[in-house]
Amino acid sequence: MQVTSDMLAELIKAASDTMAEHDAEVTELDKTLGDGDHVINIRRGLGFLVEQSEEISQLDWADAWKKMGMTCMSKIGGASGSLIGTFFVAMGKDAAGKTVDPVVFAQAFNAAVEAMKARGKSDAGEKTMLDTLIPVANYLTENCGKTELPALLAGLKETAIKGMESTKVMHATRGRSSFLGERSVGHIDAGARSTQLMICAIAETIEAKL
């Protein structure tokens, strides 16, 4: 099976649905460490992407990611909008003019993570969504083009979950949660959890088609 951009409408809906399902849980995480508006902002952005999803799915991968990024930048509030928008725009720029196969996808994903790191001046180990995204980027680099899709998706989900869970023992050094000091230890980061949920929902949607 080949994953093509015309599946984007279904993949966006899967991400939106999982955030709706886990709204209360992730909001509670964000209230513990942040200001509680993370899920509201993410769901607002996803709502606009759902509205545009049929149009987006008619584009090639690079243009679709760019459009998604610009929508996130303009429609998602707070730092999340800038970071997620940067992620998708960078994916689109890296993939522009290329035929998107698994290896090119992994390269674009890595470029997007690097762009997000630069925009947020953050890295792994600081209790953010990057603690989910960086292990996933490394996993894709190591396995895309080498691992069959069913095994690749299973490993992707496992990697995202481990990355998210790693934030529980971290001391937050970025964002509002950094003001909590040692009190931030013992709690999962809301951004890491929401990122993991969306990655897993997308993987499961693709799995269902295998």
Protein backbone atom coordinates (compact mmCIF):
# COMPACT_ATOMS: atom_id res chain seq x y z
CA MET A 1 0.00 0.00 0.00
CA GLN A 2 1.17 3.53 -0.84
CA VAL A 3 0.13 6.42 1.39
CA THR A 4 -0.84 9.28 -0.92
CA SER A 5 -1.83 12.88 -0.28
CA ASP A 6 -5.45 12.19 -1.24
CA MET A 7 -5.73 10.40 2.11
CA LEU A 8 -5.04 13.63 3.99
CA ALA A 9 -8.71 14.42 4.63
CA GLU A 10 -9.09 11.13 6.47
CA LEU A 11 -5.82 11.55 8.37
CA ILE A 12 -6.70 15.08 9.47
CA LYS A 13 -10.09 13.86 10.67
CA ALA A 14 -8.41 11.08 12.65
CA ALA A 15 -6.20 13.63 14.42
CA SER A 16 -9.19 15.87 15.11
CA ASP A 17 -11.29 13.01 16.43
CA THR A 18 -8.62 11.77 18.84
CA MET A 19 -8.13 15.26 20.27
CA ALA A 20 -11.88 15.54 20.83
CA GLU A 21 -11.90 12.14 22.52
CA HIS A 22 -9.02 13.03 24.84
CA ASP A 23 -9.97 16.67 25.39
CA ALA A 24 -10.58 16.42 29.15
CA GLU A 25 -7.45 14.36 29.82
CA VAL A 26 -5.04 16.63 27.94
CA THR A 27 -6.70 19.77 29.28
CA GLU A 28 -6.14 18.50 32.82
CA LEU A 29 -2.48 17.87 32.03
CA ASP A 30 -2.17 21.40 30.68
CA LYS A 31 -3.90 22.93 33.69
CA THR A 32 -1.38 21.17 35.93
CA LEU A 33 1.66 22.55 34.11
CA GLY A 34 0.37 25.38 31.92
CA ASP A 35 -2.55 27.71 31.38
CA GLY A 36 -5.06 25.14 30.18
CA ASP A 37 -5.60 26.45 26.65
CA HIS A 38 -3.46 23.94 24.73
CA VAL A 39 -6.33 21.67 23.67
CA ILE A 40 -8.60 24.59 22.80
CA ASN A 41 -5.95 25.97 20.47
CA ILE A 42 -5.10 22.61 18.91
CA ARG A 43 -8.74 21.72 18.33
CA ARG A 44 -9.42 25.14 16.81
CA GLY A 45 -6.61 24.63 14.32
CA LEU A 46 -7.68 21.08 13.52
CA GLY A 47 -11.22 22.32 12.97
CA PHE A 48 -10.01 24.70 10.27
CA LEU A 49 -7.90 21.93 8.72
CA VAL A 50 -10.95 19.64 8.64
CA GLU A 51 -12.90 22.36 6.86
CA GLN A 52 -10.12 22.68 4.29
CA SER A 53 -9.28 18.98 4.13
CA GLU A 54 -10.96 18.18 0.82
CA GLU A 55 -9.08 21.05 -0.83
CA ILE A 56 -5.84 20.09 0.88
CA SER A 57 -6.13 16.47 -0.23
CA GLN A 58 -6.17 17.57 -3.88
CA LEU A 59 -2.67 19.06 -3.56
CA ASP A 60 0.63 17.25 -3.74
CA TRP A 61 2.36 16.51 -0.45
CA ALA A 62 4.60 19.58 -0.43
CA ASP A 63 1.85 22.07 -1.21
CA ALA A 64 -0.55 20.34 1.19
CA TRP A 65 1.92 20.59 4.07
CA LYS A 66 2.63 24.24 3.28
CA LYS A 67 -1.08 25.08 3.27
CA MET A 68 -1.58 23.19 6.53
CA GLY A 69 1.30 25.11 8.07
CA MET A 70 -0.01 28.51 7.05
CA THR A 71 -3.46 27.61 8.39
CA CYS A 72 -1.97 26.54 11.73
CA MET A 73 0.04 29.74 12.00
CA SER A 74 -3.01 31.91 11.40
CA LYS A 75 -5.67 29.93 13.26
CA ILE A 76 -4.03 28.28 16.29
CA GLY A 77 -3.41 30.59 19.21
CA GLY A 78 -0.41 30.73 21.50
CA ALA A 79 3.03 29.27 20.92
CA SER A 80 1.52 26.07 19.53
CA GLY A 81 0.34 27.80 16.36
CA SER A 82 3.76 29.16 15.52
CA LEU A 83 5.51 25.89 16.28
CA ILE A 84 3.10 23.57 14.50
CA GLY A 85 2.82 25.96 11.57
CA THR A 86 6.60 26.07 11.31
CA PHE A 87 6.68 22.27 11.36
CA PHE A 88 4.36 21.81 8.38
CA VAL A 89 5.76 24.70 6.33
CA ALA A 90 9.25 23.24 6.78
CA MET A 91 8.01 19.81 5.69
CA GLY A 92 6.55 21.36 2.56
CA LYS A 93 9.70 23.30 1.74
CA ASP A 94 11.92 20.26 2.19
CA ALA A 95 9.68 18.07 0.02
CA ALA A 96 9.14 20.65 -2.74
CA GLY A 97 9.96 19.30 -6.18
CA LYS A 98 10.49 15.76 -4.88
CA THR A 99 8.52 12.57 -5.27
CA VAL A 100 7.51 11.78 -1.70
CA ASP A 101 8.47 8.23 -0.89
CA PRO A 102 9.19 6.89 2.62
CA VAL A 103 12.80 8.14 2.61
CA VAL A 104 11.83 11.63 1.40
CA PHE A 105 9.05 11.71 4.01
CA ALA A 106 11.55 10.90 6.77
CA GLN A 107 13.89 13.63 5.51
CA ALA A 108 11.05 16.17 5.43
CA PHE A 109 9.88 15.17 8.90
CA ASN A 110 13.40 15.63 10.26
CA ALA A 111 13.71 19.03 8.59
CA ALA A 112 10.40 20.01 10.19
CA VAL A 113 11.56 18.96 13.65
CA GLU A 114 14.80 20.90 13.21
CA ALA A 115 12.81 23.98 12.17
CA MET A 116 10.57 23.63 15.20
CA LYS A 117 13.61 23.31 17.47
CA ALA A 118 15.06 26.49 16.01
CA ARG A 119 11.79 28.42 16.27
CA GLY A 120 11.19 27.38 19.88
CA LYS A 121 14.89 27.50 20.85
CA SER A 122 14.32 24.13 22.47
CA ASP A 123 15.55 20.55 22.25
CA ALA A 124 14.95 17.09 23.65
CA GLY A 125 14.78 16.73 27.41
CA GLU A 126 13.01 20.03 28.13
CA LYS A 127 9.52 18.56 28.63
CA THR A 128 7.83 19.69 25.40
CA MET A 129 6.22 18.16 22.32
CA LEU A 130 9.75 17.76 20.96
CA ASP A 131 10.24 14.88 23.38
CA THR A 132 7.69 13.00 21.28
CA LEU A 133 8.73 14.39 17.90
CA ILE A 134 12.52 13.95 18.11
CA PRO A 135 12.45 10.19 18.86
CA VAL A 136 9.85 9.77 16.09
CA ALA A 137 12.07 11.68 13.64
CA ASN A 138 15.04 9.49 14.54
CA TYR A 139 12.92 6.36 14.21
CA LEU A 140 11.69 7.37 10.75
CA THR A 141 15.24 8.11 9.59
CA GLU A 142 16.41 4.69 10.75
CA ASN A 143 13.47 2.70 9.38
CA CYS A 144 11.76 4.40 6.43
CA GLY A 145 12.66 2.60 3.23
CA LYS A 146 13.96 -0.39 5.18
CA THR A 147 10.95 -1.63 7.17
CA GLU A 148 7.65 -2.89 5.78
CA LEU A 149 4.72 -0.58 6.46
CA PRO A 150 2.89 -2.69 9.10
CA ALA A 151 6.03 -3.03 11.23
CA LEU A 152 6.97 0.60 10.57
CA LEU A 153 3.61 1.83 11.87
CA ALA A 154 3.73 -0.39 14.94
CA GLY A 155 7.20 0.86 15.81
CA LEU A 156 6.16 4.44 15.13
CA LYS A 157 3.36 4.24 17.68
CA GLU A 158 5.62 2.60 20.25
CA THR A 159 8.28 5.28 19.75
CA ALA A 160 5.78 8.12 20.11
CA ILE A 161 4.35 6.63 23.30
CA LYS A 162 7.80 6.14 24.86
CA GLY A 163 8.75 9.70 23.96
CA MET A 164 5.58 11.08 25.53
CA GLU A 165 6.01 8.99 28.68
CA SER A 166 9.62 10.16 29.06
CA THR A 167 8.37 13.67 29.90
CA LYS A 168 6.95 12.50 33.22
CA VAL A 169 10.33 12.45 34.93
CA MET A 170 11.60 15.64 33.29
CA HIS A 171 12.05 19.01 34.90
CA ALA A 172 10.39 21.60 32.65
CA THR A 173 12.73 24.33 31.42
CA ARG A 174 10.53 25.88 28.71
CA GLY A 175 7.22 27.69 28.74
CA ARG A 176 4.89 28.42 31.62
CA SER A 177 5.59 25.06 33.25
CA SER A 178 9.23 26.05 33.80
CA PHE A 179 8.06 28.39 36.60
CA LEU A 180 6.96 25.34 38.59
CA GLY A 181 10.51 24.15 39.05
CA GLU A 182 10.72 20.71 40.65
CA ARG A 183 6.92 20.58 40.90
CA SER A 184 6.80 19.93 37.14
CA VAL A 185 8.38 16.51 37.72
CA GLY A 186 5.89 13.66 37.85
CA HIS A 187 3.52 14.99 35.19
CA ILE A 188 3.24 14.22 31.48
CA ASP A 189 3.64 17.27 29.24
CA ALA A 190 0.37 18.15 27.50
CA GLY A 191 2.07 18.98 24.21
CA ALA A 192 3.97 15.69 24.19
CA ARG A 193 0.72 13.82 24.92
CA SER A 194 -1.34 15.60 22.23
CA THR A 195 1.43 15.06 19.68
CA GLN A 196 1.61 11.37 20.54
CA LEU A 197 -2.15 10.99 20.32
CA MET A 198 -2.28 12.52 16.85
CA ILE A 199 0.67 10.48 15.55
CA CYS A 200 -0.89 7.28 16.85
CA ALA A 201 -4.31 8.15 15.43
CA ILE A 202 -2.81 8.76 11.99
CA ALA A 203 -0.82 5.50 12.16
CA GLU A 204 -3.92 3.56 13.19
CA THR A 205 -5.93 5.06 10.32
CA ILE A 206 -3.30 3.87 7.85
CA GLU A 207 -3.13 0.47 9.57
CA ALA A 208 -6.88 0.05 9.11
CA LYS A 209 -6.39 0.25 5.34
CA LEU A 210 -3.70 -2.42 5.17
